[in-house]
Amino acid sequence: MSKLVLALPKGRLLKEVSGLLLSANLIDKPIEEGRKLVLETEKFKILLAKPKDVPMLVESGFADVGVSGWDTIWESQREVLEILDLKVGFCRICIAGFPESVSNYPNLSSIKVATKYPNIARTYFEQKGVKPFVYVMNGSVELAPVIGLTDYILDLVQTGRTLRENGLVVVEEISTSTARLIAGRESFYLKNEEILSLAEKLHQAVETSF
């Protein structure tokens, strides 16, 4: 039987996900980020990818399963199956702006917003009946209101420290985000037993950890 191909995100989530895999006895040593991008274990072929690439790898079938933040899944608009909330990598998806912009926010018919998540921004505001003018930024989105490019930003918030340091406040929390175990539709059909077994072991590890 072929190994499950598991796509994991490089960066801040990897350590937490590696810890869950260890707790579930699915790997025998921590997964560490390095130059090698494809790792072999007894049970898995592991692909270490940029977080934004994980949903694509899973949808396309190059990985059977993967771990991705809910924010990344939502933004990617990829057709993947969400199998399990791993309850790590918690953050909030928020609209933020200067304190004086808070009172105007509920009455807006259009909004200028800077973000790294254009699909989330457009979808969210269009559903509210607000016309969005989205400015995609790859760096620190907090810069946009500071220089007058936009009045608002849509971004992930963990501690809120960066917002405070730039004089910004949370205007609205639109969702929370945690890491999810996802699967491709074809893989879930062809490798259903293996994927459900993986999910059950991870579920037990999550319940023990939290």
N, C-alpha and C. Protein backbone atom coordinates (compact mmCIF):
# COMPACT_ATOMS: atom_id res chain seq x y z
N MET A 1 0.85 -1.20 0.00
CA MET A 1 0.00 0.00 0.00
C MET A 1 0.88 1.24 0.00
N SER A 2 0.57 2.19 -0.89
CA SER A 2 1.38 3.39 -0.98
C SER A 2 1.17 4.29 0.23
N LYS A 3 2.19 5.06 0.54
CA LYS A 3 2.10 5.99 1.67
C LYS A 3 1.17 7.15 1.33
N LEU A 4 0.54 7.68 2.36
CA LEU A 4 -0.20 8.93 2.19
C LEU A 4 0.80 10.05 1.93
N VAL A 5 0.45 10.92 1.00
CA VAL A 5 1.27 12.11 0.74
C VAL A 5 0.66 13.26 1.54
N LEU A 6 1.44 13.81 2.44
CA LEU A 6 0.97 14.83 3.39
C LEU A 6 1.69 16.14 3.13
N ALA A 7 0.94 17.19 2.79
CA ALA A 7 1.52 18.51 2.57
C ALA A 7 1.42 19.32 3.85
N LEU A 8 2.56 19.81 4.33
CA LEU A 8 2.60 20.61 5.55
C LEU A 8 3.14 22.00 5.25
N PRO A 9 2.64 23.01 5.96
CA PRO A 9 3.08 24.38 5.72
C PRO A 9 4.39 24.69 6.42
N LYS A 10 5.32 25.25 5.69
CA LYS A 10 6.53 25.74 6.32
C LYS A 10 6.18 26.98 7.15
N GLY A 11 7.03 27.30 8.12
CA GLY A 11 6.79 28.50 8.91
C GLY A 11 6.25 28.20 10.29
N ARG A 12 5.48 29.16 10.82
CA ARG A 12 5.09 29.14 12.23
C ARG A 12 4.22 27.93 12.60
N LEU A 13 3.42 27.41 11.66
CA LEU A 13 2.53 26.30 11.98
C LEU A 13 3.24 24.96 12.08
N LEU A 14 4.38 24.84 11.41
CA LEU A 14 5.01 23.53 11.28
C LEU A 14 5.34 22.91 12.64
N LYS A 15 5.87 23.70 13.55
CA LYS A 15 6.26 23.17 14.86
C LYS A 15 5.05 22.62 15.61
N GLU A 16 3.94 23.36 15.58
CA GLU A 16 2.73 22.92 16.29
C GLU A 16 2.15 21.66 15.66
N VAL A 17 2.12 21.62 14.34
CA VAL A 17 1.58 20.45 13.65
C VAL A 17 2.48 19.24 13.87
N SER A 18 3.77 19.46 13.84
CA SER A 18 4.73 18.39 14.11
C SER A 18 4.50 17.81 15.51
N GLY A 19 4.21 18.69 16.47
CA GLY A 19 3.93 18.24 17.83
C GLY A 19 2.70 17.35 17.91
N LEU A 20 1.65 17.70 17.14
CA LEU A 20 0.45 16.87 17.13
C LEU A 20 0.73 15.51 16.50
N LEU A 21 1.49 15.51 15.40
CA LEU A 21 1.84 14.24 14.75
C LEU A 21 2.65 13.34 15.68
N LEU A 22 3.54 13.96 16.45
CA LEU A 22 4.31 13.19 17.45
C LEU A 22 3.40 12.63 18.53
N SER A 23 2.50 13.47 19.04
CA SER A 23 1.58 13.04 20.10
C SER A 23 0.69 11.89 19.64
N ALA A 24 0.38 11.89 18.34
CA ALA A 24 -0.47 10.84 17.78
C ALA A 24 0.32 9.60 17.36
N ASN A 25 1.63 9.63 17.63
CA ASN A 25 2.52 8.51 17.25
C ASN A 25 2.50 8.24 15.75
N LEU A 26 2.35 9.32 14.98
CA LEU A 26 2.34 9.20 13.52
C LEU A 26 3.73 9.43 12.93
N ILE A 27 4.59 10.10 13.68
CA ILE A 27 6.00 10.27 13.32
C ILE A 27 6.83 9.99 14.57
N ASP A 28 8.12 9.68 14.39
CA ASP A 28 8.94 9.33 15.56
C ASP A 28 9.94 10.40 15.95
N LYS A 29 9.99 11.49 15.18
CA LYS A 29 10.83 12.62 15.55
C LYS A 29 10.26 13.89 14.95
N PRO A 30 10.54 15.06 15.55
CA PRO A 30 9.98 16.32 15.05
C PRO A 30 10.38 16.59 13.60
N ILE A 31 9.47 17.22 12.87
CA ILE A 31 9.76 17.64 11.51
C ILE A 31 10.38 19.03 11.58
N GLU A 32 11.58 19.15 11.06
CA GLU A 32 12.28 20.43 11.12
C GLU A 32 12.45 20.99 9.71
N GLU A 33 12.26 22.29 9.62
CA GLU A 33 12.37 22.96 8.34
C GLU A 33 13.84 23.09 7.93
N GLY A 34 14.12 22.77 6.69
CA GLY A 34 15.48 22.87 6.18
C GLY A 34 15.45 22.98 4.67
N ARG A 35 16.55 22.62 4.05
CA ARG A 35 16.62 22.71 2.59
C ARG A 35 15.84 21.59 1.90
N LYS A 36 15.69 20.47 2.58
CA LYS A 36 15.00 19.33 2.00
C LYS A 36 13.49 19.54 2.08
N LEU A 37 12.82 19.43 0.94
CA LEU A 37 11.39 19.74 0.86
C LEU A 37 10.51 18.51 0.82
N VAL A 38 11.09 17.35 0.54
CA VAL A 38 10.34 16.09 0.52
C VAL A 38 10.99 15.14 1.52
N LEU A 39 10.20 14.70 2.49
CA LEU A 39 10.69 13.82 3.55
C LEU A 39 9.93 12.50 3.52
N GLU A 40 10.61 11.43 3.85
CA GLU A 40 9.98 10.11 3.90
C GLU A 40 9.98 9.61 5.35
N THR A 41 8.81 9.20 5.82
CA THR A 41 8.71 8.53 7.11
C THR A 41 8.10 7.15 6.87
N GLU A 42 7.93 6.41 7.94
CA GLU A 42 7.35 5.07 7.80
C GLU A 42 5.95 5.12 7.21
N LYS A 43 5.18 6.15 7.59
CA LYS A 43 3.78 6.21 7.19
C LYS A 43 3.49 7.21 6.07
N PHE A 44 4.36 8.22 5.91
CA PHE A 44 4.03 9.32 5.01
C PHE A 44 5.18 9.70 4.08
N LYS A 45 4.77 10.26 2.96
CA LYS A 45 5.67 11.09 2.16
C LYS A 45 5.23 12.52 2.45
N ILE A 46 6.13 13.31 3.01
CA ILE A 46 5.78 14.65 3.49
C ILE A 46 6.34 15.71 2.55
N LEU A 47 5.48 16.60 2.09
CA LEU A 47 5.89 17.73 1.27
C LEU A 47 5.87 18.99 2.13
N LEU A 48 6.99 19.68 2.23
CA LEU A 48 7.04 20.94 2.97
C LEU A 48 6.88 22.07 1.96
N ALA A 49 5.79 22.80 2.08
CA ALA A 49 5.43 23.81 1.08
C ALA A 49 5.11 25.14 1.73
N LYS A 50 5.11 26.19 0.93
CA LYS A 50 4.63 27.47 1.42
C LYS A 50 3.17 27.32 1.81
N PRO A 51 2.74 27.96 2.89
CA PRO A 51 1.36 27.79 3.35
C PRO A 51 0.31 27.99 2.26
N LYS A 52 0.49 29.00 1.41
CA LYS A 52 -0.50 29.28 0.37
C LYS A 52 -0.57 28.20 -0.69
N ASP A 53 0.47 27.36 -0.79
CA ASP A 53 0.49 26.31 -1.81
C ASP A 53 -0.17 25.01 -1.36
N VAL A 54 -0.39 24.85 -0.07
CA VAL A 54 -0.92 23.58 0.44
C VAL A 54 -2.30 23.26 -0.13
N PRO A 55 -3.30 24.17 -0.12
CA PRO A 55 -4.60 23.82 -0.69
C PRO A 55 -4.52 23.43 -2.16
N MET A 56 -3.66 24.09 -2.93
CA MET A 56 -3.50 23.76 -4.35
C MET A 56 -2.94 22.35 -4.52
N LEU A 57 -1.93 22.00 -3.72
CA LEU A 57 -1.33 20.67 -3.81
C LEU A 57 -2.35 19.58 -3.47
N VAL A 58 -3.21 19.86 -2.50
CA VAL A 58 -4.23 18.89 -2.09
C VAL A 58 -5.33 18.80 -3.15
N GLU A 59 -5.83 19.93 -3.62
CA GLU A 59 -6.90 19.91 -4.62
C GLU A 59 -6.46 19.19 -5.89
N SER A 60 -5.21 19.43 -6.30
CA SER A 60 -4.71 18.87 -7.56
C SER A 60 -4.31 17.40 -7.46
N GLY A 61 -4.27 16.87 -6.23
CA GLY A 61 -3.94 15.47 -6.04
C GLY A 61 -2.47 15.17 -5.88
N PHE A 62 -1.63 16.20 -5.88
CA PHE A 62 -0.20 15.97 -5.64
C PHE A 62 0.06 15.64 -4.17
N ALA A 63 -0.88 15.99 -3.31
CA ALA A 63 -0.88 15.55 -1.92
C ALA A 63 -2.26 14.98 -1.62
N ASP A 64 -2.30 13.90 -0.87
CA ASP A 64 -3.60 13.32 -0.50
C ASP A 64 -4.29 14.15 0.57
N VAL A 65 -3.50 14.59 1.53
CA VAL A 65 -4.01 15.38 2.64
C VAL A 65 -3.02 16.51 2.92
N GLY A 66 -3.47 17.48 3.68
CA GLY A 66 -2.59 18.59 4.03
C GLY A 66 -3.08 19.28 5.28
N VAL A 67 -2.27 20.18 5.76
CA VAL A 67 -2.64 21.02 6.90
C VAL A 67 -2.54 22.47 6.45
N SER A 68 -3.62 23.21 6.66
CA SER A 68 -3.67 24.60 6.20
C SER A 68 -4.52 25.42 7.16
N GLY A 69 -4.14 26.67 7.35
CA GLY A 69 -4.95 27.57 8.15
C GLY A 69 -6.27 27.87 7.45
N TRP A 70 -7.33 28.06 8.24
CA TRP A 70 -8.64 28.35 7.65
C TRP A 70 -8.58 29.60 6.79
N ASP A 71 -7.81 30.60 7.20
CA ASP A 71 -7.69 31.82 6.40
C ASP A 71 -7.13 31.52 5.02
N THR A 72 -6.14 30.64 4.96
CA THR A 72 -5.52 30.28 3.68
C THR A 72 -6.47 29.48 2.81
N ILE A 73 -7.23 28.58 3.42
CA ILE A 73 -8.23 27.80 2.67
C ILE A 73 -9.29 28.73 2.08
N TRP A 74 -9.81 29.63 2.90
CA TRP A 74 -10.85 30.57 2.46
C TRP A 74 -10.32 31.43 1.32
N GLU A 75 -9.14 31.97 1.48
CA GLU A 75 -8.57 32.83 0.45
C GLU A 75 -8.28 32.07 -0.84
N SER A 76 -7.86 30.83 -0.73
CA SER A 76 -7.46 30.07 -1.92
C SER A 76 -8.62 29.71 -2.83
N GLN A 77 -9.82 29.59 -2.25
CA GLN A 77 -11.02 29.19 -2.99
C GLN A 77 -10.85 27.83 -3.67
N ARG A 78 -10.00 27.00 -3.11
CA ARG A 78 -9.78 25.66 -3.66
C ARG A 78 -10.86 24.70 -3.15
N GLU A 79 -11.20 23.71 -3.96
CA GLU A 79 -12.20 22.73 -3.58
C GLU A 79 -11.52 21.57 -2.85
N VAL A 80 -11.45 21.70 -1.55
CA VAL A 80 -10.87 20.66 -0.70
C VAL A 80 -11.87 20.30 0.39
N LEU A 81 -11.69 19.14 0.97
CA LEU A 81 -12.57 18.69 2.04
C LEU A 81 -11.92 18.98 3.39
N GLU A 82 -12.64 19.66 4.25
CA GLU A 82 -12.14 19.93 5.60
C GLU A 82 -12.48 18.74 6.49
N ILE A 83 -11.45 18.07 6.99
CA ILE A 83 -11.65 16.83 7.74
C ILE A 83 -11.66 17.06 9.25
N LEU A 84 -10.76 17.94 9.74
CA LEU A 84 -10.61 18.08 11.19
C LEU A 84 -10.02 19.44 11.54
N ASP A 85 -10.58 20.06 12.58
CA ASP A 85 -9.99 21.28 13.15
C ASP A 85 -8.91 20.85 14.13
N LEU A 86 -7.67 21.24 13.83
CA LEU A 86 -6.54 20.83 14.67
C LEU A 86 -6.33 21.75 15.88
N LYS A 87 -7.05 22.87 15.92
CA LYS A 87 -7.07 23.78 17.08
C LYS A 87 -5.69 24.36 17.42
N VAL A 88 -4.81 24.45 16.44
CA VAL A 88 -3.53 25.14 16.62
C VAL A 88 -3.46 26.27 15.60
N GLY A 89 -2.51 27.18 15.81
CA GLY A 89 -2.36 28.30 14.88
C GLY A 89 -3.50 29.30 14.96
N PHE A 90 -4.06 29.48 16.16
CA PHE A 90 -5.23 30.37 16.30
C PHE A 90 -4.87 31.82 16.00
N CYS A 91 -5.74 32.45 15.23
CA CYS A 91 -5.66 33.91 15.03
C CYS A 91 -7.05 34.40 14.62
N ARG A 92 -7.19 35.71 14.57
CA ARG A 92 -8.46 36.31 14.18
C ARG A 92 -8.31 37.02 12.84
N ILE A 93 -9.34 36.93 12.01
CA ILE A 93 -9.36 37.70 10.76
C ILE A 93 -10.18 38.95 11.05
N CYS A 94 -9.53 40.10 10.96
CA CYS A 94 -10.16 41.34 11.44
C CYS A 94 -10.08 42.46 10.41
N ILE A 95 -11.05 43.36 10.53
CA ILE A 95 -10.97 44.67 9.89
C ILE A 95 -10.43 45.63 10.94
N ALA A 96 -9.46 46.45 10.55
CA ALA A 96 -8.89 47.41 11.49
C ALA A 96 -8.73 48.76 10.82
N GLY A 97 -8.67 49.79 11.65
CA GLY A 97 -8.48 51.16 11.15
C GLY A 97 -8.15 52.06 12.32
N PHE A 98 -8.07 53.36 12.05
CA PHE A 98 -7.84 54.31 13.13
C PHE A 98 -9.10 54.41 14.00
N PRO A 99 -8.95 54.77 15.27
CA PRO A 99 -10.12 54.86 16.16
C PRO A 99 -11.24 55.73 15.61
N GLU A 100 -10.89 56.81 14.93
CA GLU A 100 -11.92 57.71 14.41
C GLU A 100 -12.71 57.11 13.25
N SER A 101 -12.22 55.99 12.69
CA SER A 101 -12.93 55.36 11.58
C SER A 101 -13.99 54.36 12.05
N VAL A 102 -14.00 54.07 13.34
CA VAL A 102 -14.90 53.04 13.86
C VAL A 102 -16.36 53.43 13.69
N SER A 103 -16.71 54.67 13.99
CA SER A 103 -18.12 55.09 13.94
C SER A 103 -18.66 55.11 12.52
N ASN A 104 -17.81 55.36 11.53
CA ASN A 104 -18.26 55.40 10.14
C ASN A 104 -18.47 54.00 9.55
N TYR A 105 -17.80 53.03 10.10
CA TYR A 105 -17.74 51.70 9.47
C TYR A 105 -19.10 51.06 9.22
N PRO A 106 -20.04 51.08 10.17
CA PRO A 106 -21.32 50.38 9.92
C PRO A 106 -22.15 50.99 8.80
N ASN A 107 -21.89 52.24 8.43
CA ASN A 107 -22.75 52.94 7.47
C ASN A 107 -22.14 53.06 6.08
N LEU A 108 -21.04 52.38 5.83
CA LEU A 108 -20.35 52.52 4.55
C LEU A 108 -21.10 51.83 3.42
N SER A 109 -21.17 52.50 2.26
CA SER A 109 -21.70 51.85 1.05
C SER A 109 -20.56 51.34 0.17
N SER A 110 -19.37 51.86 0.40
CA SER A 110 -18.16 51.37 -0.28
C SER A 110 -17.00 51.50 0.70
N ILE A 111 -15.94 50.73 0.45
CA ILE A 111 -14.82 50.73 1.38
C ILE A 111 -13.52 50.53 0.62
N LYS A 112 -12.50 51.27 1.02
CA LYS A 112 -11.14 51.04 0.52
C LYS A 112 -10.40 50.26 1.60
N VAL A 113 -9.90 49.09 1.23
CA VAL A 113 -9.28 48.22 2.21
C VAL A 113 -8.01 47.61 1.64
N ALA A 114 -6.96 47.62 2.43
CA ALA A 114 -5.69 46.99 2.06
C ALA A 114 -5.60 45.63 2.73
N THR A 115 -5.07 44.65 2.01
CA THR A 115 -5.04 43.29 2.55
C THR A 115 -4.12 42.38 1.76
N LYS A 116 -3.75 41.28 2.39
CA LYS A 116 -3.08 40.17 1.70
C LYS A 116 -4.11 39.12 1.28
N TYR A 117 -5.37 39.38 1.58
CA TYR A 117 -6.44 38.41 1.34
C TYR A 117 -7.55 39.03 0.47
N PRO A 118 -7.26 39.29 -0.80
CA PRO A 118 -8.25 39.97 -1.64
C PRO A 118 -9.54 39.19 -1.85
N ASN A 119 -9.46 37.87 -1.95
CA ASN A 119 -10.68 37.09 -2.16
C ASN A 119 -11.59 37.13 -0.94
N ILE A 120 -10.99 37.04 0.25
CA ILE A 120 -11.79 37.15 1.47
C ILE A 120 -12.43 38.53 1.56
N ALA A 121 -11.65 39.56 1.28
CA ALA A 121 -12.17 40.93 1.38
C ALA A 121 -13.33 41.15 0.42
N ARG A 122 -13.16 40.76 -0.83
CA ARG A 122 -14.22 40.98 -1.82
C ARG A 122 -15.47 40.19 -1.46
N THR A 123 -15.29 38.93 -1.12
CA THR A 123 -16.44 38.08 -0.78
C THR A 123 -17.18 38.62 0.43
N TYR A 124 -16.44 38.99 1.47
CA TYR A 124 -17.07 39.43 2.71
C TYR A 124 -17.87 40.71 2.50
N PHE A 125 -17.25 41.71 1.87
CA PHE A 125 -17.94 42.99 1.74
C PHE A 125 -19.07 42.94 0.72
N GLU A 126 -18.90 42.17 -0.34
CA GLU A 126 -19.98 42.05 -1.32
C GLU A 126 -21.20 41.38 -0.70
N GLN A 127 -20.98 40.41 0.18
CA GLN A 127 -22.10 39.77 0.87
C GLN A 127 -22.82 40.74 1.80
N LYS A 128 -22.09 41.74 2.28
CA LYS A 128 -22.69 42.76 3.15
C LYS A 128 -23.34 43.88 2.36
N GLY A 129 -23.21 43.84 1.02
CA GLY A 129 -23.75 44.90 0.18
C GLY A 129 -22.88 46.14 0.16
N VAL A 130 -21.61 45.99 0.50
CA VAL A 130 -20.65 47.10 0.50
C VAL A 130 -19.70 46.90 -0.68
N LYS A 131 -19.52 47.94 -1.49
CA LYS A 131 -18.63 47.83 -2.65
C LYS A 131 -17.18 47.96 -2.20
N PRO A 132 -16.36 46.91 -2.40
CA PRO A 132 -14.97 46.98 -1.93
C PRO A 132 -14.00 47.45 -3.01
N PHE A 133 -13.12 48.34 -2.64
CA PHE A 133 -11.97 48.70 -3.47
C PHE A 133 -10.75 48.13 -2.74
N VAL A 134 -10.23 47.05 -3.29
CA VAL A 134 -9.22 46.25 -2.59
C VAL A 134 -7.82 46.57 -3.10
N TYR A 135 -6.93 46.90 -2.19
CA TYR A 135 -5.53 47.15 -2.50
C TYR A 135 -4.72 45.98 -1.94
N VAL A 136 -4.15 45.20 -2.85
CA VAL A 136 -3.40 44.01 -2.42
C VAL A 136 -1.98 44.42 -2.04
N MET A 137 -1.60 44.09 -0.82
CA MET A 137 -0.26 44.38 -0.33
C MET A 137 0.40 43.09 0.13
N ASN A 138 1.67 42.94 -0.17
CA ASN A 138 2.40 41.74 0.20
C ASN A 138 3.22 41.92 1.48
N GLY A 139 3.40 43.18 1.88
CA GLY A 139 4.16 43.47 3.09
C GLY A 139 3.25 43.84 4.23
N SER A 140 3.68 44.79 5.04
CA SER A 140 2.91 45.21 6.22
C SER A 140 1.71 46.04 5.79
N VAL A 141 0.52 45.46 5.90
CA VAL A 141 -0.68 46.17 5.45
C VAL A 141 -1.00 47.35 6.34
N GLU A 142 -0.47 47.37 7.56
CA GLU A 142 -0.72 48.49 8.47
C GLU A 142 -0.23 49.82 7.89
N LEU A 143 0.67 49.73 6.92
CA LEU A 143 1.19 50.95 6.29
C LEU A 143 0.10 51.71 5.55
N ALA A 144 -0.87 51.00 4.99
CA ALA A 144 -1.87 51.63 4.11
C ALA A 144 -2.64 52.77 4.78
N PRO A 145 -3.26 52.56 5.94
CA PRO A 145 -3.96 53.69 6.57
C PRO A 145 -3.01 54.76 7.10
N VAL A 146 -1.81 54.35 7.49
CA VAL A 146 -0.84 55.32 8.02
C VAL A 146 -0.47 56.36 6.96
N ILE A 147 -0.33 55.92 5.70
CA ILE A 147 0.04 56.85 4.63
C ILE A 147 -1.17 57.39 3.87
N GLY A 148 -2.38 56.94 4.25
CA GLY A 148 -3.59 57.45 3.62
C GLY A 148 -4.03 56.71 2.37
N LEU A 149 -3.44 55.55 2.10
CA LEU A 149 -3.85 54.76 0.94
C LEU A 149 -5.27 54.23 1.11
N THR A 150 -5.57 53.73 2.29
CA THR A 150 -6.92 53.25 2.62
C THR A 150 -7.27 53.67 4.04
N ASP A 151 -8.55 53.56 4.36
CA ASP A 151 -8.98 53.83 5.74
C ASP A 151 -8.95 52.56 6.59
N TYR A 152 -9.02 51.40 5.92
CA TYR A 152 -9.14 50.14 6.65
C TYR A 152 -8.18 49.10 6.09
N ILE A 153 -7.89 48.10 6.92
CA ILE A 153 -7.15 46.93 6.47
C ILE A 153 -7.92 45.68 6.88
N LEU A 154 -7.69 44.60 6.17
CA LEU A 154 -8.18 43.28 6.57
C LEU A 154 -6.95 42.41 6.73
N ASP A 155 -6.76 41.87 7.93
CA ASP A 155 -5.54 41.12 8.18
C ASP A 155 -5.75 40.14 9.34
N LEU A 156 -4.77 39.27 9.50
CA LEU A 156 -4.77 38.38 10.66
C LEU A 156 -4.27 39.13 11.88
N VAL A 157 -4.91 38.89 13.01
CA VAL A 157 -4.50 39.51 14.27
C VAL A 157 -4.27 38.40 15.29
N GLN A 158 -3.10 38.43 15.91
CA GLN A 158 -2.82 37.49 16.99
C GLN A 158 -2.81 38.23 18.32
N THR A 159 -1.77 38.99 18.59
CA THR A 159 -1.71 39.75 19.84
C THR A 159 -2.27 41.16 19.70
N GLY A 160 -2.30 41.69 18.48
CA GLY A 160 -2.73 43.07 18.27
C GLY A 160 -1.63 44.09 18.48
N ARG A 161 -0.44 43.63 18.78
CA ARG A 161 0.66 44.55 19.09
C ARG A 161 1.01 45.45 17.90
N THR A 162 1.08 44.87 16.70
CA THR A 162 1.44 45.67 15.52
C THR A 162 0.39 46.74 15.24
N LEU A 163 -0.88 46.39 15.44
CA LEU A 163 -1.94 47.39 15.28
C LEU A 163 -1.73 48.54 16.25
N ARG A 164 -1.53 48.22 17.51
CA ARG A 164 -1.38 49.27 18.53
C ARG A 164 -0.18 50.16 18.25
N GLU A 165 0.90 49.56 17.81
CA GLU A 165 2.11 50.34 17.54
C GLU A 165 1.93 51.31 16.38
N ASN A 166 0.93 51.06 15.54
CA ASN A 166 0.65 51.95 14.42
C ASN A 166 -0.64 52.75 14.61
N GLY A 167 -1.14 52.77 15.86
CA GLY A 167 -2.31 53.59 16.18
C GLY A 167 -3.62 53.04 15.66
N LEU A 168 -3.68 51.75 15.34
CA LEU A 168 -4.88 51.15 14.77
C LEU A 168 -5.61 50.31 15.81
N VAL A 169 -6.90 50.12 15.57
CA VAL A 169 -7.73 49.30 16.46
C VAL A 169 -8.55 48.33 15.61
N VAL A 170 -8.98 47.25 16.22
CA VAL A 170 -9.87 46.31 15.53
C VAL A 170 -11.25 46.94 15.42
N VAL A 171 -11.76 47.00 14.20
CA VAL A 171 -13.09 47.55 13.94
C VAL A 171 -14.13 46.43 13.95
N GLU A 172 -13.75 45.29 13.38
CA GLU A 172 -14.67 44.15 13.34
C GLU A 172 -13.86 42.86 13.21
N GLU A 173 -14.23 41.86 13.98
CA GLU A 173 -13.68 40.52 13.80
C GLU A 173 -14.62 39.75 12.89
N ILE A 174 -14.13 39.32 11.73
CA ILE A 174 -15.04 38.65 10.78
C ILE A 174 -14.98 37.13 10.89
N SER A 175 -13.91 36.61 11.44
CA SER A 175 -13.81 35.16 11.62
C SER A 175 -12.60 34.85 12.49
N THR A 176 -12.54 33.63 12.97
CA THR A 176 -11.32 33.13 13.58
C THR A 176 -10.72 32.09 12.65
N SER A 177 -9.45 31.80 12.84
CA SER A 177 -8.77 30.84 11.98
C SER A 177 -7.90 29.91 12.81
N THR A 178 -7.99 28.63 12.50
CA THR A 178 -7.11 27.62 13.08
C THR A 178 -6.68 26.69 11.96
N ALA A 179 -5.69 25.87 12.25
CA ALA A 179 -5.21 24.92 11.25
C ALA A 179 -6.22 23.78 11.07
N ARG A 180 -6.41 23.37 9.83
CA ARG A 180 -7.35 22.29 9.53
C ARG A 180 -6.64 21.18 8.75
N LEU A 181 -7.05 19.96 8.99
CA LEU A 181 -6.64 18.84 8.15
C LEU A 181 -7.58 18.80 6.96
N ILE A 182 -7.02 18.86 5.76
CA ILE A 182 -7.83 18.87 4.55
C ILE A 182 -7.45 17.70 3.65
N ALA A 183 -8.37 17.31 2.77
CA ALA A 183 -8.11 16.22 1.84
C ALA A 183 -8.66 16.57 0.47
N GLY A 184 -8.06 15.99 -0.56
CA GLY A 184 -8.59 16.13 -1.90
C GLY A 184 -9.75 15.17 -2.09
N ARG A 185 -10.70 15.54 -2.94
CA ARG A 185 -11.90 14.71 -3.13
C ARG A 185 -11.54 13.31 -3.66
N GLU A 186 -10.67 13.26 -4.66
CA GLU A 186 -10.31 11.96 -5.24
C GLU A 186 -9.56 11.11 -4.22
N SER A 187 -8.62 11.72 -3.52
CA SER A 187 -7.85 10.97 -2.51
C SER A 187 -8.76 10.47 -1.40
N PHE A 188 -9.73 11.28 -1.00
CA PHE A 188 -10.64 10.88 0.07
C PHE A 188 -11.47 9.67 -0.35
N TYR A 189 -11.78 9.59 -1.63
CA TYR A 189 -12.53 8.44 -2.15
C TYR A 189 -11.64 7.21 -2.26
N LEU A 190 -10.43 7.38 -2.79
CA LEU A 190 -9.55 6.25 -3.05
C LEU A 190 -8.82 5.76 -1.80
N LYS A 191 -8.55 6.68 -0.86
CA LYS A 191 -7.78 6.32 0.34
C LYS A 191 -8.56 6.66 1.61
N ASN A 192 -9.85 6.40 1.54
CA ASN A 192 -10.75 6.80 2.61
C ASN A 192 -10.35 6.21 3.96
N GLU A 193 -10.05 4.94 3.99
CA GLU A 193 -9.73 4.28 5.26
C GLU A 193 -8.48 4.86 5.89
N GLU A 194 -7.44 5.08 5.08
CA GLU A 194 -6.18 5.63 5.60
C GLU A 194 -6.35 7.06 6.10
N ILE A 195 -7.14 7.85 5.35
CA ILE A 195 -7.34 9.25 5.74
C ILE A 195 -8.17 9.35 7.02
N LEU A 196 -9.20 8.53 7.13
CA LEU A 196 -10.02 8.55 8.35
C LEU A 196 -9.23 8.05 9.55
N SER A 197 -8.34 7.09 9.33
CA SER A 197 -7.49 6.62 10.43
C SER A 197 -6.55 7.72 10.90
N LEU A 198 -5.97 8.44 9.95
CA LEU A 198 -5.12 9.59 10.29
C LEU A 198 -5.91 10.63 11.07
N ALA A 199 -7.11 10.93 10.59
CA ALA A 199 -7.94 11.94 11.25
C ALA A 199 -8.30 11.53 12.67
N GLU A 200 -8.62 10.26 12.88
CA GLU A 200 -8.99 9.78 14.21
C GLU A 200 -7.81 9.88 15.18
N LYS A 201 -6.62 9.52 14.73
CA LYS A 201 -5.45 9.61 15.59
C LYS A 201 -5.12 11.06 15.93
N LEU A 202 -5.26 11.94 14.94
CA LEU A 202 -5.02 13.36 15.21
C LEU A 202 -6.09 13.93 16.13
N HIS A 203 -7.32 13.49 15.94
CA HIS A 203 -8.41 13.95 16.81
C HIS A 203 -8.11 13.59 18.27
N GLN A 204 -7.66 12.39 18.50
CA GLN A 204 -7.31 11.97 19.87
C GLN A 204 -6.17 12.81 20.43
N ALA A 205 -5.19 13.13 19.58
CA ALA A 205 -4.07 13.97 20.02
C ALA A 205 -4.54 15.38 20.35
N VAL A 206 -5.45 15.90 19.53
CA VAL A 206 -6.00 17.24 19.78
C VAL A 206 -6.77 17.26 21.09
N GLU A 207 -7.61 16.25 21.31
CA GLU A 207 -8.40 16.20 22.54
C GLU A 207 -7.50 16.09 23.77
N THR A 208 -6.42 15.35 23.65
CA THR A 208 -5.48 15.22 24.76
C THR A 208 -4.74 16.52 25.04
N SER A 209 -4.41 17.23 23.95
CA SER A 209 -3.63 18.47 24.08
C SER A 209 -4.46 19.63 24.58
N PHE A 210 -5.77 19.64 24.27
CA PHE A 210 -6.59 20.78 24.61
C PHE A 210 -7.71 20.40 25.56
